[in-house]
C-alpha cells in the first residue's frame, strides 16, 4: 500500500530552490524526492524521524530492522545501519536473545523484546563512543559471524528492566564487542570511492 501524501505549497527563497535543484540533478533524482530526503534527514537529526543515532564524532546513522530468526535457541533481529549522508547501507548486524534468557525473564512477546534489546544495545555502543558501522563481535568463530551477537544467560541480570537500566547507565560490559578501523561495508569489499557515487 502506498504512503499517504498531501500536496502543499511552500515558499522558499529562489537561491535555496536553485541549490536544491542542483543537488537533485547531481544525484539524478527529482526535486521533490531530494526535498523529501533533506526533510527526512533533518527530522532524524532532531529526533522526530525514523530510528537514528548520532555518533560522538557527529555522524548520523539511520537504523532499520526486521525479524531474522525465531527458533528453539534464540530470537534474533537483523539491524541495518544506513548513513544518510552517503545514502548507503554501511553495516548490518544480527542481534538476538538466547531462549533461556527469554524464559527466565518471563517474556511472552519475544519478537518485540528482542527488537527493543537490539536497539538498546546499538544505542549503548554508540554512547560508549563506538561508531555503529564498525562493530564486530568475537562471540562466534569465523569472519562471516563477526556481525552476529546473541545474548546468553550468564551475561545478563535476572530481569529485563535491570538489564535495560545497566545499559542506560553504561554499567554493562560486552566482552565480545570490538570496533574495527573500517566500516563493515568497506571490510566486506565496498571500495571507499563508492561512498561518493
N, C-alpha and C. Protein backbone atom coordinates (compact mmCIF):
# COMPACT_ATOMS: atom_id res chain seq x y z
N UNK A 1 0.84 -1.17 0.00
CA UNK A 1 0.00 0.00 0.00
C UNK A 1 0.89 1.25 0.00
N UNK A 2 0.60 2.20 -0.84
CA UNK A 2 1.40 3.41 -0.95
C UNK A 2 1.18 4.31 0.27
N UNK A 3 2.23 5.06 0.61
CA UNK A 3 2.10 6.01 1.71
C UNK A 3 1.15 7.13 1.32
N UNK A 4 0.40 7.62 2.31
CA UNK A 4 -0.47 8.76 2.05
C UNK A 4 0.39 9.99 1.86
N UNK A 5 0.03 10.82 0.91
CA UNK A 5 0.75 12.05 0.67
C UNK A 5 -0.24 13.21 0.65
N UNK A 6 0.29 14.40 0.83
CA UNK A 6 -0.53 15.61 0.76
C UNK A 6 0.19 16.62 -0.10
N UNK A 7 -0.55 17.30 -0.93
CA UNK A 7 0.03 18.36 -1.74
C UNK A 7 0.00 19.64 -0.92
N UNK A 8 1.19 20.24 -0.77
CA UNK A 8 1.27 21.52 -0.08
C UNK A 8 2.08 22.47 -0.93
N UNK A 9 1.91 23.73 -0.66
CA UNK A 9 2.68 24.74 -1.38
C UNK A 9 3.51 25.49 -0.35
N UNK A 10 4.82 25.55 -0.59
CA UNK A 10 5.67 26.31 0.32
C UNK A 10 6.42 27.36 -0.47
N UNK A 11 6.76 28.41 0.23
CA UNK A 11 7.51 29.50 -0.39
C UNK A 11 8.93 29.43 0.16
N UNK A 12 9.89 29.28 -0.74
CA UNK A 12 11.30 29.27 -0.33
C UNK A 12 12.06 30.26 -1.20
N UNK A 13 13.12 30.83 -0.66
CA UNK A 13 13.92 31.76 -1.47
C UNK A 13 14.42 31.07 -2.73
N UNK A 14 14.49 31.81 -3.80
CA UNK A 14 14.91 31.27 -5.09
C UNK A 14 16.32 30.68 -5.01
N UNK A 15 17.18 31.26 -4.17
CA UNK A 15 18.54 30.76 -4.01
C UNK A 15 18.52 29.32 -3.47
N UNK A 16 17.64 29.04 -2.48
CA UNK A 16 17.53 27.69 -1.92
C UNK A 16 16.99 26.73 -2.97
N UNK A 17 15.98 27.17 -3.73
CA UNK A 17 15.40 26.32 -4.76
C UNK A 17 16.45 25.92 -5.77
N UNK A 18 17.28 26.89 -6.18
CA UNK A 18 18.33 26.60 -7.17
C UNK A 18 19.34 25.60 -6.61
N UNK A 19 19.77 25.81 -5.35
CA UNK A 19 20.74 24.88 -4.74
C UNK A 19 20.17 23.47 -4.64
N UNK A 20 18.91 23.39 -4.21
CA UNK A 20 18.27 22.07 -4.09
C UNK A 20 18.15 21.39 -5.45
N UNK A 21 17.83 22.18 -6.49
CA UNK A 21 17.70 21.61 -7.83
C UNK A 21 19.05 21.10 -8.33
N UNK A 22 20.11 21.85 -8.09
CA UNK A 22 21.46 21.42 -8.50
C UNK A 22 21.83 20.12 -7.80
N UNK A 23 21.56 20.04 -6.48
CA UNK A 23 21.86 18.82 -5.73
C UNK A 23 21.05 17.64 -6.27
N UNK A 24 19.76 17.87 -6.55
CA UNK A 24 18.90 16.80 -7.09
C UNK A 24 19.42 16.32 -8.44
N UNK A 25 19.81 17.26 -9.29
CA UNK A 25 20.33 16.91 -10.62
C UNK A 25 21.62 16.09 -10.50
N UNK A 26 22.50 16.48 -9.56
CA UNK A 26 23.75 15.74 -9.37
C UNK A 26 23.48 14.31 -8.92
N UNK A 27 22.43 14.11 -8.12
CA UNK A 27 22.09 12.78 -7.63
C UNK A 27 21.23 12.00 -8.63
N UNK A 28 20.73 12.69 -9.65
CA UNK A 28 19.89 12.03 -10.64
C UNK A 28 18.50 11.68 -10.11
N UNK A 29 17.98 12.52 -9.21
CA UNK A 29 16.64 12.30 -8.66
C UNK A 29 15.80 13.55 -8.85
N UNK A 30 14.52 13.40 -8.63
CA UNK A 30 13.62 14.54 -8.81
C UNK A 30 13.83 15.56 -7.69
N UNK A 31 13.42 16.78 -7.98
CA UNK A 31 13.48 17.85 -6.98
C UNK A 31 12.67 17.45 -5.74
N UNK A 32 11.48 16.93 -5.96
CA UNK A 32 10.60 16.53 -4.86
C UNK A 32 11.25 15.44 -4.00
N UNK A 33 11.84 14.42 -4.63
CA UNK A 33 12.48 13.33 -3.89
C UNK A 33 13.64 13.87 -3.06
N UNK A 34 14.39 14.80 -3.62
CA UNK A 34 15.53 15.36 -2.88
C UNK A 34 15.05 16.18 -1.68
N UNK A 35 14.03 17.00 -1.86
CA UNK A 35 13.50 17.79 -0.75
C UNK A 35 12.98 16.88 0.35
N UNK A 36 12.30 15.79 -0.01
CA UNK A 36 11.80 14.84 0.99
C UNK A 36 12.96 14.20 1.76
N UNK A 37 14.05 13.87 1.06
CA UNK A 37 15.21 13.26 1.74
C UNK A 37 15.87 14.26 2.69
N UNK A 38 16.02 15.51 2.25
CA UNK A 38 16.59 16.55 3.12
C UNK A 38 15.72 16.70 4.37
N UNK A 39 14.42 16.69 4.21
CA UNK A 39 13.50 16.81 5.33
C UNK A 39 13.61 15.60 6.26
N UNK A 40 13.70 14.40 5.68
CA UNK A 40 13.83 13.19 6.48
C UNK A 40 15.11 13.22 7.32
N UNK A 41 16.22 13.65 6.71
CA UNK A 41 17.49 13.73 7.45
C UNK A 41 17.38 14.75 8.57
N UNK A 42 16.75 15.88 8.30
CA UNK A 42 16.56 16.88 9.36
C UNK A 42 15.73 16.30 10.50
N UNK A 43 14.66 15.58 10.18
CA UNK A 43 13.81 15.01 11.22
C UNK A 43 14.56 13.96 12.03
N UNK A 44 15.42 13.17 11.38
CA UNK A 44 16.24 12.20 12.11
C UNK A 44 17.17 12.92 13.08
N UNK A 45 17.82 13.97 12.60
CA UNK A 45 18.75 14.73 13.44
C UNK A 45 18.06 15.35 14.64
N UNK A 46 16.80 15.74 14.47
CA UNK A 46 16.09 16.42 15.55
C UNK A 46 15.27 15.46 16.41
N UNK A 47 15.36 14.15 16.11
CA UNK A 47 14.68 13.16 16.94
C UNK A 47 13.24 12.90 16.59
N UNK A 48 12.77 13.39 15.44
CA UNK A 48 11.37 13.21 15.07
C UNK A 48 11.18 12.29 13.87
N UNK A 49 12.26 11.75 13.35
CA UNK A 49 12.15 10.93 12.15
C UNK A 49 12.31 9.47 12.46
N UNK A 50 12.75 8.69 11.48
CA UNK A 50 12.98 7.26 11.69
C UNK A 50 14.03 7.04 12.78
N UNK A 51 14.14 5.80 13.24
CA UNK A 51 15.12 5.48 14.27
C UNK A 51 16.51 5.90 13.79
N UNK A 52 17.21 6.64 14.64
CA UNK A 52 18.52 7.12 14.24
C UNK A 52 19.42 7.27 15.45
N UNK A 53 20.73 7.33 15.16
CA UNK A 53 21.75 7.58 16.17
C UNK A 53 22.73 8.58 15.60
N UNK A 54 23.19 9.48 16.44
CA UNK A 54 24.28 10.38 16.05
C UNK A 54 25.49 9.99 16.88
N UNK A 55 26.58 9.65 16.21
CA UNK A 55 27.78 9.19 16.91
C UNK A 55 28.47 10.35 17.60
N UNK A 56 29.40 10.02 18.50
CA UNK A 56 30.15 11.06 19.20
C UNK A 56 31.00 11.88 18.24
N UNK A 57 31.30 11.33 17.06
CA UNK A 57 32.06 12.09 16.06
C UNK A 57 31.13 12.92 15.17
N UNK A 58 29.82 12.86 15.42
CA UNK A 58 28.87 13.69 14.68
C UNK A 58 28.24 13.03 13.46
N UNK A 59 28.51 11.75 13.23
CA UNK A 59 27.92 11.06 12.07
C UNK A 59 26.49 10.63 12.40
N UNK A 60 25.60 10.80 11.45
CA UNK A 60 24.20 10.41 11.61
C UNK A 60 23.97 9.07 10.95
N UNK A 61 23.34 8.15 11.69
CA UNK A 61 23.00 6.83 11.17
C UNK A 61 21.50 6.60 11.30
N UNK A 62 20.93 6.01 10.27
CA UNK A 62 19.52 5.60 10.31
C UNK A 62 19.48 4.09 10.52
N UNK A 63 18.62 3.64 11.42
CA UNK A 63 18.51 2.21 11.72
C UNK A 63 17.23 1.65 11.14
N UNK A 64 17.35 0.50 10.50
CA UNK A 64 16.19 -0.26 10.03
C UNK A 64 16.32 -1.65 10.62
N UNK A 65 15.21 -2.30 10.86
CA UNK A 65 15.31 -3.65 11.41
C UNK A 65 14.15 -4.52 10.90
N UNK A 66 14.43 -5.81 10.89
CA UNK A 66 13.40 -6.77 10.50
C UNK A 66 13.68 -8.10 11.20
N UNK A 67 12.63 -8.88 11.46
CA UNK A 67 12.84 -10.17 12.13
C UNK A 67 13.76 -11.05 11.29
N UNK A 68 14.64 -11.79 11.97
CA UNK A 68 15.58 -12.64 11.24
C UNK A 68 15.41 -14.12 11.60
N UNK A 69 15.34 -14.45 12.89
CA UNK A 69 15.34 -15.84 13.31
C UNK A 69 14.54 -15.99 14.59
N UNK A 70 13.68 -16.99 14.64
CA UNK A 70 12.94 -17.30 15.87
C UNK A 70 12.83 -18.81 15.94
N UNK A 71 13.73 -19.42 16.73
CA UNK A 71 13.71 -20.88 16.83
C UNK A 71 13.88 -21.29 18.29
N UNK A 72 14.16 -22.54 18.55
CA UNK A 72 14.24 -23.03 19.93
C UNK A 72 15.45 -22.46 20.67
N UNK A 73 16.44 -21.93 19.95
CA UNK A 73 17.65 -21.43 20.60
C UNK A 73 17.65 -19.93 20.83
N UNK A 74 17.02 -19.16 19.94
CA UNK A 74 17.14 -17.71 20.03
C UNK A 74 16.04 -17.00 19.24
N UNK A 75 15.86 -15.72 19.56
CA UNK A 75 15.03 -14.82 18.77
C UNK A 75 15.92 -13.66 18.37
N UNK A 76 16.12 -13.48 17.07
CA UNK A 76 17.12 -12.54 16.56
C UNK A 76 16.50 -11.63 15.51
N UNK A 77 16.96 -10.39 15.51
CA UNK A 77 16.56 -9.40 14.51
C UNK A 77 17.78 -9.02 13.68
N UNK A 78 17.54 -8.63 12.45
CA UNK A 78 18.58 -8.04 11.60
C UNK A 78 18.46 -6.52 11.71
N UNK A 79 19.58 -5.87 12.00
CA UNK A 79 19.61 -4.41 12.13
C UNK A 79 20.50 -3.85 11.03
N UNK A 80 19.96 -2.95 10.25
CA UNK A 80 20.67 -2.34 9.13
C UNK A 80 21.04 -0.92 9.51
N UNK A 81 22.30 -0.55 9.27
CA UNK A 81 22.81 0.76 9.64
C UNK A 81 23.11 1.52 8.36
N UNK A 82 22.30 2.55 8.09
CA UNK A 82 22.47 3.37 6.89
C UNK A 82 23.09 4.71 7.29
N UNK A 83 23.89 5.27 6.39
CA UNK A 83 24.43 6.62 6.60
C UNK A 83 23.78 7.54 5.57
N UNK A 84 22.78 8.33 6.00
CA UNK A 84 22.04 9.18 5.06
C UNK A 84 22.93 10.12 4.26
N UNK A 85 24.02 10.57 4.85
CA UNK A 85 24.92 11.50 4.14
C UNK A 85 25.36 10.91 2.81
N UNK A 86 25.63 9.61 2.79
CA UNK A 86 26.09 8.95 1.57
C UNK A 86 25.00 8.12 0.90
N UNK A 87 23.83 8.04 1.56
CA UNK A 87 22.72 7.23 1.07
C UNK A 87 23.18 5.80 0.81
N UNK A 88 23.92 5.25 1.79
CA UNK A 88 24.46 3.90 1.68
C UNK A 88 24.20 3.12 2.95
N UNK A 89 23.98 1.81 2.78
CA UNK A 89 23.95 0.90 3.92
C UNK A 89 25.40 0.63 4.30
N UNK A 90 25.75 0.94 5.55
CA UNK A 90 27.14 0.81 5.98
C UNK A 90 27.40 -0.50 6.71
N UNK A 91 26.37 -1.07 7.35
CA UNK A 91 26.57 -2.31 8.11
C UNK A 91 25.22 -2.98 8.33
N UNK A 92 25.27 -4.27 8.65
CA UNK A 92 24.08 -4.98 9.11
C UNK A 92 24.52 -5.99 10.16
N UNK A 93 23.70 -6.11 11.19
CA UNK A 93 24.02 -6.99 12.31
C UNK A 93 22.85 -7.89 12.64
N UNK A 94 23.18 -9.06 13.17
CA UNK A 94 22.17 -9.96 13.71
C UNK A 94 22.32 -9.94 15.23
N UNK A 95 21.34 -9.38 15.92
CA UNK A 95 21.40 -9.27 17.37
C UNK A 95 20.18 -9.99 17.95
N UNK A 96 20.45 -10.91 18.88
CA UNK A 96 19.35 -11.70 19.42
C UNK A 96 19.51 -12.00 20.90
N UNK A 97 18.50 -12.71 21.40
CA UNK A 97 18.46 -13.11 22.80
C UNK A 97 18.29 -14.62 22.85
N UNK A 98 19.12 -15.28 23.64
CA UNK A 98 19.02 -16.72 23.80
C UNK A 98 17.73 -17.12 24.49
N UNK A 99 17.25 -18.31 24.17
CA UNK A 99 15.97 -18.80 24.67
C UNK A 99 15.91 -18.84 26.20
N UNK A 100 16.99 -19.20 26.88
CA UNK A 100 16.97 -19.29 28.34
C UNK A 100 16.70 -17.93 28.97
N UNK A 101 17.28 -16.87 28.41
CA UNK A 101 17.02 -15.52 28.92
C UNK A 101 15.54 -15.19 28.79
N UNK A 102 14.99 -15.44 27.62
CA UNK A 102 13.57 -15.12 27.39
C UNK A 102 12.69 -15.87 28.38
N UNK A 103 13.04 -17.11 28.66
CA UNK A 103 12.26 -17.89 29.62
C UNK A 103 12.44 -17.34 31.04
N UNK A 104 13.69 -17.06 31.43
CA UNK A 104 13.95 -16.54 32.78
C UNK A 104 13.32 -15.16 32.99
N UNK A 105 13.32 -14.34 31.94
CA UNK A 105 12.71 -13.01 32.05
C UNK A 105 11.19 -13.07 31.93
N UNK A 106 10.65 -14.26 31.67
CA UNK A 106 9.21 -14.49 31.52
C UNK A 106 8.61 -13.59 30.43
N UNK A 107 9.28 -13.60 29.28
CA UNK A 107 8.87 -12.78 28.15
C UNK A 107 7.83 -13.53 27.32
N UNK A 108 6.70 -12.89 27.07
CA UNK A 108 5.69 -13.51 26.22
C UNK A 108 5.81 -12.99 24.78
N UNK A 109 6.14 -11.72 24.61
CA UNK A 109 6.30 -11.14 23.28
C UNK A 109 7.78 -11.12 22.92
N UNK A 110 8.30 -12.29 22.52
CA UNK A 110 9.73 -12.45 22.25
C UNK A 110 10.23 -11.51 21.16
N UNK A 111 9.44 -11.36 20.10
CA UNK A 111 9.88 -10.55 18.96
C UNK A 111 10.07 -9.09 19.36
N UNK A 112 9.08 -8.52 20.04
CA UNK A 112 9.17 -7.11 20.41
C UNK A 112 10.32 -6.86 21.38
N UNK A 113 10.47 -7.72 22.38
CA UNK A 113 11.54 -7.55 23.36
C UNK A 113 12.90 -7.69 22.71
N UNK A 114 13.06 -8.66 21.82
CA UNK A 114 14.34 -8.86 21.14
C UNK A 114 14.70 -7.64 20.29
N UNK A 115 13.72 -7.08 19.62
CA UNK A 115 13.96 -5.88 18.81
C UNK A 115 14.39 -4.71 19.71
N UNK A 116 13.66 -4.48 20.80
CA UNK A 116 13.97 -3.36 21.69
C UNK A 116 15.34 -3.54 22.35
N UNK A 117 15.69 -4.76 22.72
CA UNK A 117 17.01 -5.01 23.30
C UNK A 117 18.10 -4.74 22.27
N UNK A 118 17.89 -5.16 21.03
CA UNK A 118 18.87 -4.89 19.98
C UNK A 118 19.09 -3.41 19.76
N UNK A 119 18.00 -2.64 19.72
CA UNK A 119 18.11 -1.19 19.56
C UNK A 119 18.80 -0.57 20.77
N UNK A 120 18.46 -1.06 21.97
CA UNK A 120 19.11 -0.55 23.19
C UNK A 120 20.61 -0.84 23.17
N UNK A 121 21.00 -2.02 22.68
CA UNK A 121 22.43 -2.35 22.58
C UNK A 121 23.15 -1.41 21.61
N UNK A 122 22.55 -1.16 20.45
CA UNK A 122 23.18 -0.26 19.49
C UNK A 122 23.33 1.15 20.07
N UNK A 123 22.31 1.62 20.80
CA UNK A 123 22.39 2.93 21.45
C UNK A 123 23.48 2.92 22.52
N UNK A 124 23.61 1.82 23.24
CA UNK A 124 24.64 1.67 24.28
C UNK A 124 26.04 1.76 23.67
N UNK A 125 26.28 1.00 22.58
CA UNK A 125 27.58 1.05 21.93
C UNK A 125 27.89 2.47 21.44
N UNK A 126 26.86 3.12 20.90
CA UNK A 126 27.01 4.48 20.40
C UNK A 126 27.41 5.43 21.54
N UNK A 127 26.73 5.31 22.69
CA UNK A 127 27.06 6.16 23.85
C UNK A 127 28.47 5.90 24.35
N UNK A 128 28.95 4.67 24.18
CA UNK A 128 30.30 4.32 24.61
C UNK A 128 31.37 4.85 23.64
N UNK A 129 30.94 5.57 22.61
CA UNK A 129 31.88 6.18 21.67
C UNK A 129 32.28 5.30 20.51
N UNK A 130 31.57 4.19 20.31
CA UNK A 130 31.87 3.31 19.19
C UNK A 130 31.06 3.75 17.96
N UNK A 131 31.68 3.72 16.80
CA UNK A 131 30.97 4.02 15.56
C UNK A 131 30.14 2.79 15.20
N UNK A 132 28.83 2.94 15.10
CA UNK A 132 27.96 1.77 14.96
C UNK A 132 28.09 1.04 13.63
N UNK A 133 28.78 1.62 12.68
CA UNK A 133 29.02 0.89 11.42
C UNK A 133 30.33 0.10 11.45
N UNK A 134 31.06 0.16 12.58
CA UNK A 134 32.37 -0.50 12.68
C UNK A 134 32.40 -1.61 13.73
N UNK A 135 31.24 -2.00 14.24
CA UNK A 135 31.20 -3.00 15.29
C UNK A 135 31.52 -4.39 14.76
N UNK A 136 32.21 -5.17 15.57
CA UNK A 136 32.41 -6.59 15.31
C UNK A 136 32.28 -7.31 16.65
N UNK A 137 31.85 -8.56 16.59
CA UNK A 137 31.77 -9.38 17.80
C UNK A 137 32.57 -10.65 17.58
N UNK A 138 33.26 -11.08 18.60
CA UNK A 138 34.06 -12.31 18.55
C UNK A 138 33.36 -13.44 19.31
N UNK A 139 32.03 -13.43 19.29
CA UNK A 139 31.28 -14.47 20.01
C UNK A 139 31.31 -15.81 19.28
N UNK A 140 31.23 -15.76 17.96
CA UNK A 140 31.21 -16.97 17.16
C UNK A 140 32.42 -16.97 16.23
N UNK A 141 33.05 -18.12 15.98
CA UNK A 141 34.26 -18.15 15.16
C UNK A 141 33.96 -17.86 13.68
N UNK A 142 34.94 -17.30 13.02
CA UNK A 142 34.85 -17.09 11.58
C UNK A 142 34.46 -15.67 11.21
N UNK A 143 35.04 -15.16 10.12
CA UNK A 143 34.76 -13.79 9.69
C UNK A 143 33.32 -13.56 9.24
N UNK A 144 32.62 -14.62 8.84
CA UNK A 144 31.23 -14.46 8.42
C UNK A 144 30.29 -14.28 9.60
N UNK A 145 30.78 -14.50 10.82
CA UNK A 145 29.94 -14.36 12.01
C UNK A 145 30.32 -13.15 12.85
N UNK A 146 31.19 -12.27 12.34
CA UNK A 146 31.62 -11.13 13.16
C UNK A 146 30.54 -10.07 13.30
N UNK A 147 29.41 -10.26 12.61
CA UNK A 147 28.30 -9.32 12.74
C UNK A 147 27.13 -9.94 13.50
N UNK A 148 27.39 -11.00 14.25
CA UNK A 148 26.33 -11.73 14.96
C UNK A 148 26.58 -11.68 16.46
N UNK A 149 25.53 -11.29 17.20
CA UNK A 149 25.62 -11.21 18.67
C UNK A 149 24.33 -11.76 19.26
N UNK A 150 24.46 -12.79 20.07
CA UNK A 150 23.30 -13.38 20.75
C UNK A 150 23.60 -13.37 22.25
N UNK A 151 22.80 -12.64 23.00
CA UNK A 151 22.98 -12.58 24.45
C UNK A 151 22.68 -13.95 25.06
N UNK A 152 23.51 -14.34 26.02
CA UNK A 152 23.32 -15.61 26.72
C UNK A 152 23.07 -15.34 28.21
N UNK A 153 22.50 -16.31 28.90
CA UNK A 153 22.02 -16.12 30.26
C UNK A 153 23.10 -15.67 31.24
N UNK A 154 24.33 -16.12 31.08
CA UNK A 154 25.41 -15.76 32.02
C UNK A 154 25.81 -14.29 31.91
N UNK A 155 25.38 -13.59 30.85
CA UNK A 155 25.81 -12.21 30.61
C UNK A 155 24.86 -11.16 31.15
N UNK A 156 23.67 -11.56 31.54
CA UNK A 156 22.64 -10.57 31.85
C UNK A 156 22.06 -10.79 33.26
N UNK A 157 21.47 -9.75 33.86
CA UNK A 157 20.83 -9.92 35.16
C UNK A 157 19.53 -10.71 35.04
N UNK A 158 18.85 -10.86 36.17
CA UNK A 158 17.69 -11.75 36.24
C UNK A 158 16.41 -11.20 35.63
N UNK A 159 16.37 -9.90 35.32
CA UNK A 159 15.15 -9.39 34.67
C UNK A 159 15.49 -8.33 33.63
N UNK A 160 14.56 -8.14 32.73
CA UNK A 160 14.76 -7.25 31.58
C UNK A 160 15.00 -5.81 32.03
N UNK A 161 14.19 -5.31 32.96
CA UNK A 161 14.32 -3.92 33.38
C UNK A 161 15.70 -3.64 33.97
N UNK A 162 16.20 -4.57 34.74
CA UNK A 162 17.54 -4.41 35.32
C UNK A 162 18.60 -4.34 34.22
N UNK A 163 18.45 -5.18 33.18
CA UNK A 163 19.39 -5.15 32.07
C UNK A 163 19.33 -3.81 31.34
N UNK A 164 18.12 -3.34 31.05
CA UNK A 164 17.98 -2.05 30.35
C UNK A 164 18.54 -0.91 31.20
N UNK A 165 18.36 -0.99 32.52
CA UNK A 165 18.93 0.03 33.41
C UNK A 165 20.45 0.02 33.35
N UNK A 166 21.05 -1.18 33.31
CA UNK A 166 22.51 -1.28 33.20
C UNK A 166 23.00 -0.67 31.89
N UNK A 167 22.26 -0.91 30.80
CA UNK A 167 22.64 -0.33 29.51
C UNK A 167 22.54 1.19 29.56
N UNK A 168 21.45 1.71 30.12
CA UNK A 168 21.24 3.16 30.15
C UNK A 168 22.28 3.88 31.00
N UNK A 169 22.78 3.22 32.03
CA UNK A 169 23.78 3.84 32.91
C UNK A 169 25.20 3.43 32.52
N UNK A 170 25.33 2.74 31.39
CA UNK A 170 26.63 2.31 30.88
C UNK A 170 27.41 1.45 31.87
N UNK A 171 26.69 0.62 32.63
CA UNK A 171 27.34 -0.24 33.63
C UNK A 171 27.47 -1.69 33.18
N UNK A 172 26.93 -2.01 32.02
CA UNK A 172 27.05 -3.37 31.49
C UNK A 172 28.30 -3.41 30.62
N UNK A 173 28.96 -4.55 30.55
CA UNK A 173 30.15 -4.70 29.71
C UNK A 173 29.93 -5.85 28.74
N UNK A 174 30.16 -5.58 27.46
CA UNK A 174 30.07 -6.61 26.43
C UNK A 174 31.49 -7.09 26.14
N UNK A 175 31.80 -8.30 26.59
CA UNK A 175 33.17 -8.81 26.44
C UNK A 175 33.48 -9.24 25.01
N UNK A 176 32.48 -9.29 24.14
CA UNK A 176 32.71 -9.74 22.77
C UNK A 176 32.86 -8.61 21.75
N UNK A 177 32.39 -7.41 22.08
CA UNK A 177 32.36 -6.34 21.09
C UNK A 177 33.72 -5.70 20.90
N UNK A 178 34.02 -5.32 19.66
CA UNK A 178 35.21 -4.58 19.30
C UNK A 178 34.82 -3.59 18.22
N UNK A 179 35.65 -2.58 18.05
CA UNK A 179 35.44 -1.63 16.96
C UNK A 179 36.58 -1.76 15.97
N UNK A 180 36.23 -2.02 14.71
CA UNK A 180 37.23 -2.12 13.66
C UNK A 180 37.61 -0.71 13.19
N UNK A 181 38.72 -0.60 12.49
CA UNK A 181 39.14 0.69 11.95
C UNK A 181 38.30 1.11 10.76
N UNK A 182 37.64 0.13 10.10
CA UNK A 182 36.86 0.42 8.90
C UNK A 182 35.41 0.02 9.12
N UNK A 183 34.52 0.66 8.40
CA UNK A 183 33.12 0.28 8.47
C UNK A 183 32.94 -1.11 7.87
N UNK A 184 31.87 -1.76 8.24
CA UNK A 184 31.64 -3.14 7.80
C UNK A 184 31.57 -3.24 6.28
N UNK A 185 30.91 -2.30 5.62
CA UNK A 185 30.79 -2.39 4.15
C UNK A 185 32.15 -2.30 3.47
N UNK A 186 33.07 -1.50 4.02
CA UNK A 186 34.42 -1.41 3.46
C UNK A 186 35.19 -2.70 3.74
N UNK A 187 35.05 -3.25 4.95
CA UNK A 187 35.71 -4.52 5.28
C UNK A 187 35.23 -5.63 4.37
N UNK A 188 33.98 -5.57 3.95
CA UNK A 188 33.41 -6.64 3.12
C UNK A 188 33.53 -6.37 1.64
N UNK A 189 34.31 -5.36 1.25
CA UNK A 189 34.63 -5.22 -0.17
C UNK A 189 34.16 -3.98 -0.88
N UNK A 190 33.33 -3.13 -0.27
CA UNK A 190 32.92 -1.92 -0.97
C UNK A 190 34.10 -0.96 -1.05
N UNK A 191 34.46 -0.49 -2.24
CA UNK A 191 35.54 0.50 -2.33
C UNK A 191 35.09 1.83 -1.73
N UNK A 192 36.00 2.50 -1.03
CA UNK A 192 35.64 3.78 -0.40
C UNK A 192 35.13 4.78 -1.43
N UNK A 193 35.64 4.71 -2.66
CA UNK A 193 35.20 5.65 -3.69
C UNK A 193 33.71 5.49 -3.99
N UNK A 194 33.14 4.30 -3.71
CA UNK A 194 31.72 4.06 -3.99
C UNK A 194 30.81 4.84 -3.04
N UNK A 195 31.35 5.32 -1.92
CA UNK A 195 30.54 6.10 -0.99
C UNK A 195 30.07 7.39 -1.61
N UNK A 196 30.83 7.92 -2.52
CA UNK A 196 30.54 9.24 -3.04
C UNK A 196 29.75 9.19 -4.34
N UNK A 197 29.38 7.99 -4.79
CA UNK A 197 28.59 7.88 -6.02
C UNK A 197 27.12 7.97 -5.71
